[in-house]
Amino acid sequence: TKHREGVGPTWTWTFGQVSQKPETLFSDRVKNTLDAIPDGYFFKLMAGSIRGLPDRVGVKNGRFIALELKVGSNKADPLQGWTLGKLKSAGAYVAVVTPENWGKIYQEILNMFL
């Protein structure tokens, strides 16, 4: 297995095949699931040099949603926590999403304003 790190995503090459990192696979899973939600619009922020912004944001039935995605032992850093706290105090639905809690978070988003 060889690793290439640098600009862009980190890819793992295994016996001629390319496999994405667990973070990328989870992010893609969340994106595909969110894209299928009726009455919702979600997107990934491409903030560049602005740190602390959530990974996915969107709106469902008029409610702003901010999701920070984490895999493995990764946790939201203090700046991400501060940002999510400010958004929550302004009325947004916020969550730190992991593969383990994604099903519960997804159901909460689906059930908003039903």
Protein backbone atom coordinates (compact mmCIF):
# COMPACT_ATOMS: atom_id res chain seq x y z
CA THR A 1 0.00 0.00 0.00
CA LYS A 2 1.35 3.41 -0.95
CA HIS A 3 0.08 6.76 0.28
CA ARG A 4 0.23 10.02 -1.63
CA GLU A 5 -0.38 13.12 0.46
CA GLY A 6 -0.40 16.74 -0.58
CA VAL A 7 -2.79 18.97 -2.41
CA GLY A 8 -6.23 17.45 -2.74
CA PRO A 9 -7.52 14.24 -1.19
CA THR A 10 -5.26 11.54 0.19
CA TRP A 11 -5.69 8.30 -1.69
CA THR A 12 -4.64 4.80 -0.73
CA TRP A 13 -3.40 2.63 -3.58
CA THR A 14 -3.87 -1.08 -2.98
CA PHE A 15 -2.90 -3.62 -5.64
CA GLY A 16 -3.70 -1.24 -8.48
CA GLN A 17 -7.03 -0.11 -7.03
CA VAL A 18 -7.80 3.25 -5.47
CA SER A 19 -9.73 3.33 -2.20
CA GLN A 20 -10.79 6.53 -0.50
CA LYS A 21 -10.15 7.37 3.12
CA PRO A 22 -12.93 6.54 5.64
CA GLU A 23 -13.62 10.28 6.07
CA THR A 24 -14.29 10.67 2.34
CA LEU A 25 -16.47 7.57 2.17
CA PHE A 26 -18.56 8.78 5.12
CA SER A 27 -18.84 12.30 3.69
CA ASP A 28 -20.03 10.87 0.36
CA ARG A 29 -22.59 8.68 2.18
CA VAL A 30 -23.96 11.68 4.09
CA LYS A 31 -24.05 13.83 0.93
CA ASN A 32 -25.96 11.21 -1.07
CA THR A 33 -28.46 10.69 1.75
CA LEU A 34 -29.01 14.43 2.29
CA ASP A 35 -29.45 15.03 -1.45
CA ALA A 36 -32.42 12.64 -1.42
CA ILE A 37 -34.32 14.47 1.34
CA PRO A 38 -37.53 16.07 0.05
CA ASP A 39 -37.96 19.79 0.77
CA GLY A 40 -34.28 20.10 1.62
CA TYR A 41 -31.19 21.68 0.09
CA PHE A 42 -27.72 20.80 1.38
CA PHE A 43 -24.19 21.59 0.28
CA LYS A 44 -20.56 21.41 1.33
CA LEU A 45 -18.88 24.64 2.29
CA MET A 46 -15.65 25.29 0.42
CA ALA A 47 -14.27 27.82 2.87
CA GLY A 48 -10.63 27.75 1.88
CA SER A 49 -8.80 29.64 4.59
CA ILE A 50 -11.80 30.06 6.92
CA ARG A 51 -11.50 27.51 9.71
CA GLY A 52 -14.26 26.24 11.97
CA LEU A 53 -17.14 26.14 9.48
CA PRO A 54 -19.36 23.01 9.43
CA ASP A 55 -18.75 20.38 6.75
CA ARG A 56 -22.33 20.34 5.45
CA VAL A 57 -25.01 22.98 5.71
CA GLY A 58 -28.50 23.19 4.38
CA VAL A 59 -32.11 24.11 4.84
CA LYS A 60 -35.16 21.92 5.30
CA ASN A 61 -38.61 23.45 5.61
CA GLY A 62 -37.08 26.82 6.47
CA ARG A 63 -34.74 25.54 9.20
CA PHE A 64 -30.99 26.01 8.87
CA ILE A 65 -28.96 22.83 9.45
CA ALA A 66 -25.22 22.62 10.16
CA LEU A 67 -23.42 19.28 10.32
CA GLU A 68 -19.82 18.63 11.36
CA LEU A 69 -18.72 15.19 10.15
CA LYS A 70 -16.26 13.12 12.18
CA VAL A 71 -14.90 9.58 11.78
CA GLY A 72 -13.07 7.38 14.25
CA SER A 73 -11.69 9.11 17.31
CA ASN A 74 -11.84 12.57 15.67
CA LYS A 75 -13.81 15.17 17.61
CA ALA A 76 -14.89 18.72 16.83
CA ASP A 77 -12.07 21.12 17.68
CA PRO A 78 -12.74 24.15 19.92
CA LEU A 79 -13.31 26.52 16.99
CA GLN A 80 -15.76 24.11 15.35
CA GLY A 81 -17.56 23.72 18.69
CA TRP A 82 -17.74 27.50 19.11
CA THR A 83 -19.15 27.92 15.59
CA LEU A 84 -21.76 25.20 16.12
CA GLY A 85 -22.71 26.81 19.44
CA LYS A 86 -23.22 30.22 17.81
CA LEU A 87 -25.35 28.67 15.05
CA LYS A 88 -27.42 26.73 17.60
CA SER A 89 -28.03 29.85 19.70
CA ALA A 90 -29.24 31.57 16.51
CA GLY A 91 -31.83 28.81 16.00
CA ALA A 92 -30.03 26.36 13.71
CA TYR A 93 -30.18 22.61 14.08
CA VAL A 94 -26.56 21.54 14.63
CA ALA A 95 -24.92 18.17 15.10
CA VAL A 96 -21.54 16.50 15.17
CA VAL A 97 -22.22 13.49 12.97
CA THR A 98 -20.40 10.17 13.15
CA PRO A 99 -21.09 6.91 11.34
CA GLU A 100 -22.49 5.62 14.63
CA ASN A 101 -25.07 8.42 15.14
CA TRP A 102 -25.85 9.23 11.49
CA GLY A 103 -29.07 7.16 11.43
CA LYS A 104 -30.49 9.05 14.43
CA ILE A 105 -29.45 12.47 13.06
CA TYR A 106 -30.90 11.62 9.65
CA GLN A 107 -34.26 10.71 11.21
CA GLU A 108 -34.30 13.97 13.17
CA ILE A 109 -33.69 15.94 9.97
CA LEU A 110 -36.37 13.98 8.09
CA ASN A 111 -38.92 14.62 10.85
CA MET A 112 -38.39 18.39 11.04
CA PHE A 113 -41.72 20.20 10.83
CA LEU A 114 -43.79 17.12 10.04
